[in-house]
């Protein structure tokens, strides 16, 4: 992926990891706290740098529409991660365009009432009190009714 100087880069961080913001490489930057993700609108041209652990990348992904994400692990010795493979010192090289993009599959569940859940790793569907859940599975035009304690739908990431 090529990154040009007029791209916008966003940092999504947890409060204790703010010290690793490589703002000297950015023309336009902004910071979004985890608590504000559901109210923040990412633009199609944004490039997202997530500084944190795998769970933060998975959380951020559900608010994106195909924007590339660079996962940065601020403390790789304490928190190994698959979705945050990069160290803070790698960011300059990655922003210079010396990185490949690996697309990841997401899963979406839509309830009868129209609510939808989107996840990068997996979704659990079931009754909150562990009663029998009844649901209908639709895959490639086929429909099947089910009853069980729940269903976990996962992706290759999860």
C-alpha atoms as a PDB file:
ATOM      1  CA  UNK A   1       0.000   0.000   0.000  1.00  0.00           C
ATOM      2  CA  UNK A   2       1.243   3.467  -0.814  1.00  0.00           C
ATOM      3  CA  UNK A   3       0.766   6.193   1.757  1.00  0.00           C
ATOM      4  CA  UNK A   4       0.955   9.767   0.540  1.00  0.00           C
ATOM      5  CA  UNK A   5       1.447  12.910   2.555  1.00  0.00           C
ATOM      6  CA  UNK A   6      -2.127  14.133   2.259  1.00  0.00           C
ATOM      7  CA  UNK A   7      -3.661  10.962   3.731  1.00  0.00           C
ATOM      8  CA  UNK A   8      -5.251  11.245   7.141  1.00  0.00           C
ATOM      9  CA  UNK A   9      -4.007   8.937   9.862  1.00  0.00           C
ATOM     10  CA  UNK A  10      -5.930   8.194  13.015  1.00  0.00           C
ATOM     11  CA  UNK A  11      -4.625   6.862  16.282  1.00  0.00           C
ATOM     12  CA  UNK A  12      -6.891   4.668  18.337  1.00  0.00           C
ATOM     13  CA  UNK A  13      -5.321   4.175  21.734  1.00  0.00           C
ATOM     14  CA  UNK A  14      -5.954   3.176  25.275  1.00  0.00           C
ATOM     15  CA  UNK A  15      -5.050   5.884  27.771  1.00  0.00           C
ATOM     16  CA  UNK A  16      -1.927   4.179  29.128  1.00  0.00           C
ATOM     17  CA  UNK A  17      -0.378   3.795  25.673  1.00  0.00           C
ATOM     18  CA  UNK A  18      -0.424   7.400  24.486  1.00  0.00           C
ATOM     19  CA  UNK A  19       3.351   7.840  24.732  1.00  0.00           C
ATOM     20  CA  UNK A  20       3.872   5.887  21.502  1.00  0.00           C
ATOM     21  CA  UNK A  21       2.305   8.408  19.077  1.00  0.00           C
ATOM     22  CA  UNK A  22       4.713   8.921  16.156  1.00  0.00           C
ATOM     23  CA  UNK A  23       3.184  12.271  15.216  1.00  0.00           C
ATOM     24  CA  UNK A  24       6.363  13.498  13.559  1.00  0.00           C
ATOM     25  CA  UNK A  25       5.448  11.322  10.544  1.00  0.00           C
ATOM     26  CA  UNK A  26       1.957  12.695  10.057  1.00  0.00           C
ATOM     27  CA  UNK A  27       0.525  15.642   8.211  1.00  0.00           C
ATOM     28  CA  UNK A  28      -2.976  15.276   9.683  1.00  0.00           C
ATOM     29  CA  UNK A  29      -3.499  13.306  12.847  1.00  0.00           C
ATOM     30  CA  UNK A  30      -6.182  12.844  15.407  1.00  0.00           C
ATOM     31  CA  UNK A  31      -6.714  10.573  18.343  1.00  0.00           C
ATOM     32  CA  UNK A  32      -9.784   8.563  19.245  1.00  0.00           C
ATOM     33  CA  UNK A  33     -10.192   6.994  22.673  1.00  0.00           C
ATOM     34  CA  UNK A  34     -11.748   3.533  22.878  1.00  0.00           C
ATOM     35  CA  UNK A  35     -14.822   4.933  24.632  1.00  0.00           C
ATOM     36  CA  UNK A  36     -15.512   7.262  21.675  1.00  0.00           C
ATOM     37  CA  UNK A  37     -15.277   4.705  18.842  1.00  0.00           C
ATOM     38  CA  UNK A  38     -19.025   4.217  18.436  1.00  0.00           C
ATOM     39  CA  UNK A  39     -19.500   7.975  17.889  1.00  0.00           C
ATOM     40  CA  UNK A  40     -16.514   8.627  15.616  1.00  0.00           C
ATOM     41  CA  UNK A  41     -16.906   8.702  11.829  1.00  0.00           C
ATOM     42  CA  UNK A  42     -13.870   7.406   9.953  1.00  0.00           C
ATOM     43  CA  UNK A  43     -13.474   8.774   6.420  1.00  0.00           C
ATOM     44  CA  UNK A  44     -12.836   6.410   3.483  1.00  0.00           C
ATOM     45  CA  UNK A  45      -9.334   7.850   2.943  1.00  0.00           C
ATOM     46  CA  UNK A  46      -8.287   7.453   6.606  1.00  0.00           C
ATOM     47  CA  UNK A  47      -5.432   5.155   7.566  1.00  0.00           C
ATOM     48  CA  UNK A  48      -5.852   3.835  11.095  1.00  0.00           C
ATOM     49  CA  UNK A  49      -3.019   3.138  13.512  1.00  0.00           C
ATOM     50  CA  UNK A  50      -4.211   1.109  16.486  1.00  0.00           C
ATOM     51  CA  UNK A  51      -1.866   1.207  19.472  1.00  0.00           C
ATOM     52  CA  UNK A  52      -2.855  -1.461  21.958  1.00  0.00           C
ATOM     53  CA  UNK A  53      -3.662  -5.127  22.141  1.00  0.00           C
ATOM     54  CA  UNK A  54      -5.477  -7.487  19.753  1.00  0.00           C
ATOM     55  CA  UNK A  55      -8.835  -6.775  21.378  1.00  0.00           C
ATOM     56  CA  UNK A  56      -8.574  -3.091  20.531  1.00  0.00           C
ATOM     57  CA  UNK A  57      -7.931  -3.893  16.845  1.00  0.00           C
ATOM     58  CA  UNK A  58     -10.985  -6.195  16.826  1.00  0.00           C
ATOM     59  CA  UNK A  59     -13.077  -3.470  18.457  1.00  0.00           C
ATOM     60  CA  UNK A  60     -11.917  -0.771  16.015  1.00  0.00           C
ATOM     61  CA  UNK A  61     -12.503  -2.998  12.964  1.00  0.00           C
ATOM     62  CA  UNK A  62     -16.273  -3.064  13.438  1.00  0.00           C
ATOM     63  CA  UNK A  63     -16.409   0.719  12.973  1.00  0.00           C
ATOM     64  CA  UNK A  64     -14.420   0.757   9.719  1.00  0.00           C
ATOM     65  CA  UNK A  65     -15.407   0.362   6.079  1.00  0.00           C
ATOM     66  CA  UNK A  66     -12.285  -1.079   4.499  1.00  0.00           C
ATOM     67  CA  UNK A  67      -9.726   1.451   5.750  1.00  0.00           C
ATOM     68  CA  UNK A  68      -6.302  -0.099   6.326  1.00  0.00           C
ATOM     69  CA  UNK A  69      -5.239  -0.653   9.929  1.00  0.00           C
ATOM     70  CA  UNK A  70      -1.705  -0.754  11.284  1.00  0.00           C
ATOM     71  CA  UNK A  71      -1.650  -2.673  14.574  1.00  0.00           C
ATOM     72  CA  UNK A  72       1.080  -1.430  16.916  1.00  0.00           C
ATOM     73  CA  UNK A  73       1.914  -3.256  20.125  1.00  0.00           C
ATOM     74  CA  UNK A  74       3.174  -0.709  22.627  1.00  0.00           C
ATOM     75  CA  UNK A  75       4.467  -3.416  24.970  1.00  0.00           C
ATOM     76  CA  UNK A  76       5.257  -6.582  22.948  1.00  0.00           C
ATOM     77  CA  UNK A  77       7.213  -8.208  25.779  1.00  0.00           C
ATOM     78  CA  UNK A  78       4.156  -8.153  28.055  1.00  0.00           C
ATOM     79  CA  UNK A  79       1.364  -8.491  25.494  1.00  0.00           C
ATOM     80  CA  UNK A  80       2.061 -10.719  22.490  1.00  0.00           C
ATOM     81  CA  UNK A  81      -0.485 -10.196  19.750  1.00  0.00           C
ATOM     82  CA  UNK A  82      -1.445 -11.418  16.303  1.00  0.00           C
ATOM     83  CA  UNK A  83      -3.325  -8.290  15.210  1.00  0.00           C
ATOM     84  CA  UNK A  84      -0.697  -5.920  16.613  1.00  0.00           C
ATOM     85  CA  UNK A  85       2.504  -7.347  15.107  1.00  0.00           C
ATOM     86  CA  UNK A  86       4.354  -4.059  14.770  1.00  0.00           C
ATOM     87  CA  UNK A  87       6.532  -2.257  17.280  1.00  0.00           C
ATOM     88  CA  UNK A  88       6.332   1.529  17.681  1.00  0.00           C
ATOM     89  CA  UNK A  89       9.640   1.863  15.828  1.00  0.00           C
ATOM     90  CA  UNK A  90       8.115   0.201  12.734  1.00  0.00           C
ATOM     91  CA  UNK A  91       5.535   2.928  12.138  1.00  0.00           C
ATOM     92  CA  UNK A  92       7.734   5.216  10.005  1.00  0.00           C
ATOM     93  CA  UNK A  93       8.573   2.367   7.610  1.00  0.00           C
ATOM     94  CA  UNK A  94       4.925   1.300   7.408  1.00  0.00           C
ATOM     95  CA  UNK A  95       3.720   4.833   6.712  1.00  0.00           C
ATOM     96  CA  UNK A  96       6.350   5.161   3.981  1.00  0.00           C
ATOM     97  CA  UNK A  97       4.470   2.459   2.089  1.00  0.00           C
ATOM     98  CA  UNK A  98       6.761  -0.470   2.794  1.00  0.00           C
ATOM     99  CA  UNK A  99       3.961  -2.765   3.924  1.00  0.00           C
ATOM    100  CA  UNK A 100       1.504  -5.173   2.409  1.00  0.00           C
ATOM    101  CA  UNK A 101      -2.188  -5.193   3.267  1.00  0.00           C
ATOM    102  CA  UNK A 102      -3.755  -8.447   4.475  1.00  0.00           C
ATOM    103  CA  UNK A 103      -7.552  -8.358   4.173  1.00  0.00           C
ATOM    104  CA  UNK A 104      -9.412  -9.965   7.085  1.00  0.00           C
ATOM    105  CA  UNK A 105     -12.940 -11.375   7.010  1.00  0.00           C
ATOM    106  CA  UNK A 106     -15.573 -10.071   9.386  1.00  0.00           C
ATOM    107  CA  UNK A 107     -18.787 -11.719  10.538  1.00  0.00           C
ATOM    108  CA  UNK A 108     -22.173  -9.988  10.828  1.00  0.00           C
ATOM    109  CA  UNK A 109     -25.313 -11.208  12.586  1.00  0.00           C
ATOM    110  CA  UNK A 110     -28.677  -9.522  12.039  1.00  0.00           C
ATOM    111  CA  UNK A 111     -31.472 -10.113  14.572  1.00  0.00           C
ATOM    112  CA  UNK A 112     -35.165 -10.320  13.751  1.00  0.00           C
ATOM    113  CA  UNK A 113     -35.645  -6.810  15.139  1.00  0.00           C
ATOM    114  CA  UNK A 114     -33.061  -5.374  12.724  1.00  0.00           C
ATOM    115  CA  UNK A 115     -30.174  -5.001  15.182  1.00  0.00           C
ATOM    116  CA  UNK A 116     -26.855  -6.104  13.777  1.00  0.00           C
ATOM    117  CA  UNK A 117     -23.568  -7.188  15.298  1.00  0.00           C
ATOM    118  CA  UNK A 118     -20.301  -6.977  13.407  1.00  0.00           C
ATOM    119  CA  UNK A 119     -17.082  -8.611  14.580  1.00  0.00           C
ATOM    120  CA  UNK A 120     -13.568  -9.338  13.365  1.00  0.00           C
ATOM    121  CA  UNK A 121     -13.130 -12.507  15.397  1.00  0.00           C
ATOM    122  CA  UNK A 122     -16.382 -14.146  16.504  1.00  0.00           C
ATOM    123  CA  UNK A 123     -19.967 -13.522  17.591  1.00  0.00           C
ATOM    124  CA  UNK A 124     -21.915 -15.493  20.197  1.00  0.00           C
ATOM    125  CA  UNK A 125     -25.646 -15.719  19.608  1.00  0.00           C
ATOM    126  CA  UNK A 126     -27.725 -17.031  22.460  1.00  0.00           C
ATOM    127  CA  UNK A 127     -30.150 -16.237  25.217  1.00  0.00           C
ATOM    128  CA  UNK A 128     -28.490 -14.141  27.964  1.00  0.00           C
ATOM    129  CA  UNK A 129     -29.950 -16.371  30.720  1.00  0.00           C
ATOM    130  CA  UNK A 130     -28.718 -19.596  29.045  1.00  0.00           C
ATOM    131  CA  UNK A 131     -32.219 -20.740  28.116  1.00  0.00           C
ATOM    132  CA  UNK A 132     -32.663 -22.517  24.827  1.00  0.00           C
ATOM    133  CA  UNK A 133     -32.146 -20.122  21.946  1.00  0.00           C
ATOM    134  CA  UNK A 134     -34.133 -20.581  18.751  1.00  0.00           C
ATOM    135  CA  UNK A 135     -32.689 -19.238  15.536  1.00  0.00           C
ATOM    136  CA  UNK A 136     -32.711 -19.661  11.783  1.00  0.00           C
ATOM    137  CA  UNK A 137     -29.513 -20.091   9.837  1.00  0.00           C
ATOM    138  CA  UNK A 138     -29.382 -18.746   6.263  1.00  0.00           C
ATOM    139  CA  UNK A 139     -26.379 -19.765   4.157  1.00  0.00           C
ATOM    140  CA  UNK A 140     -26.126 -19.500   0.369  1.00  0.00           C
ATOM    141  CA  UNK A 141     -29.905 -19.591  -0.087  1.00  0.00           C
ATOM    142  CA  UNK A 142     -30.468 -22.550   2.249  1.00  0.00           C
ATOM    143  CA  UNK A 143     -32.447 -22.095   5.485  1.00  0.00           C
ATOM    144  CA  UNK A 144     -32.338 -24.260   8.602  1.00  0.00           C
ATOM    145  CA  UNK A 145     -34.110 -23.739  11.949  1.00  0.00           C
ATOM    146  CA  UNK A 146     -32.103 -24.517  15.073  1.00  0.00           C
ATOM    147  CA  UNK A 147     -32.546 -24.706  18.854  1.00  0.00           C
ATOM    148  CA  UNK A 148     -29.553 -24.843  21.194  1.00  0.00           C
ATOM    149  CA  UNK A 149     -27.833 -23.026  24.026  1.00  0.00           C
ATOM    150  CA  UNK A 150     -26.294 -20.734  21.438  1.00  0.00           C
ATOM    151  CA  UNK A 151     -24.103 -20.425  18.423  1.00  0.00           C
ATOM    152  CA  UNK A 152     -20.588 -19.111  17.946  1.00  0.00           C
ATOM    153  CA  UNK A 153     -19.864 -17.767  14.461  1.00  0.00           C
ATOM    154  CA  UNK A 154     -16.169 -17.224  13.902  1.00  0.00           C
ATOM    155  CA  UNK A 155     -13.852 -15.971  11.219  1.00  0.00           C
ATOM    156  CA  UNK A 156     -10.336 -17.079  10.343  1.00  0.00           C
ATOM    157  CA  UNK A 157      -9.102 -14.330  12.657  1.00  0.00           C
ATOM    158  CA  UNK A 158     -11.117 -15.591  15.638  1.00  0.00           C
END
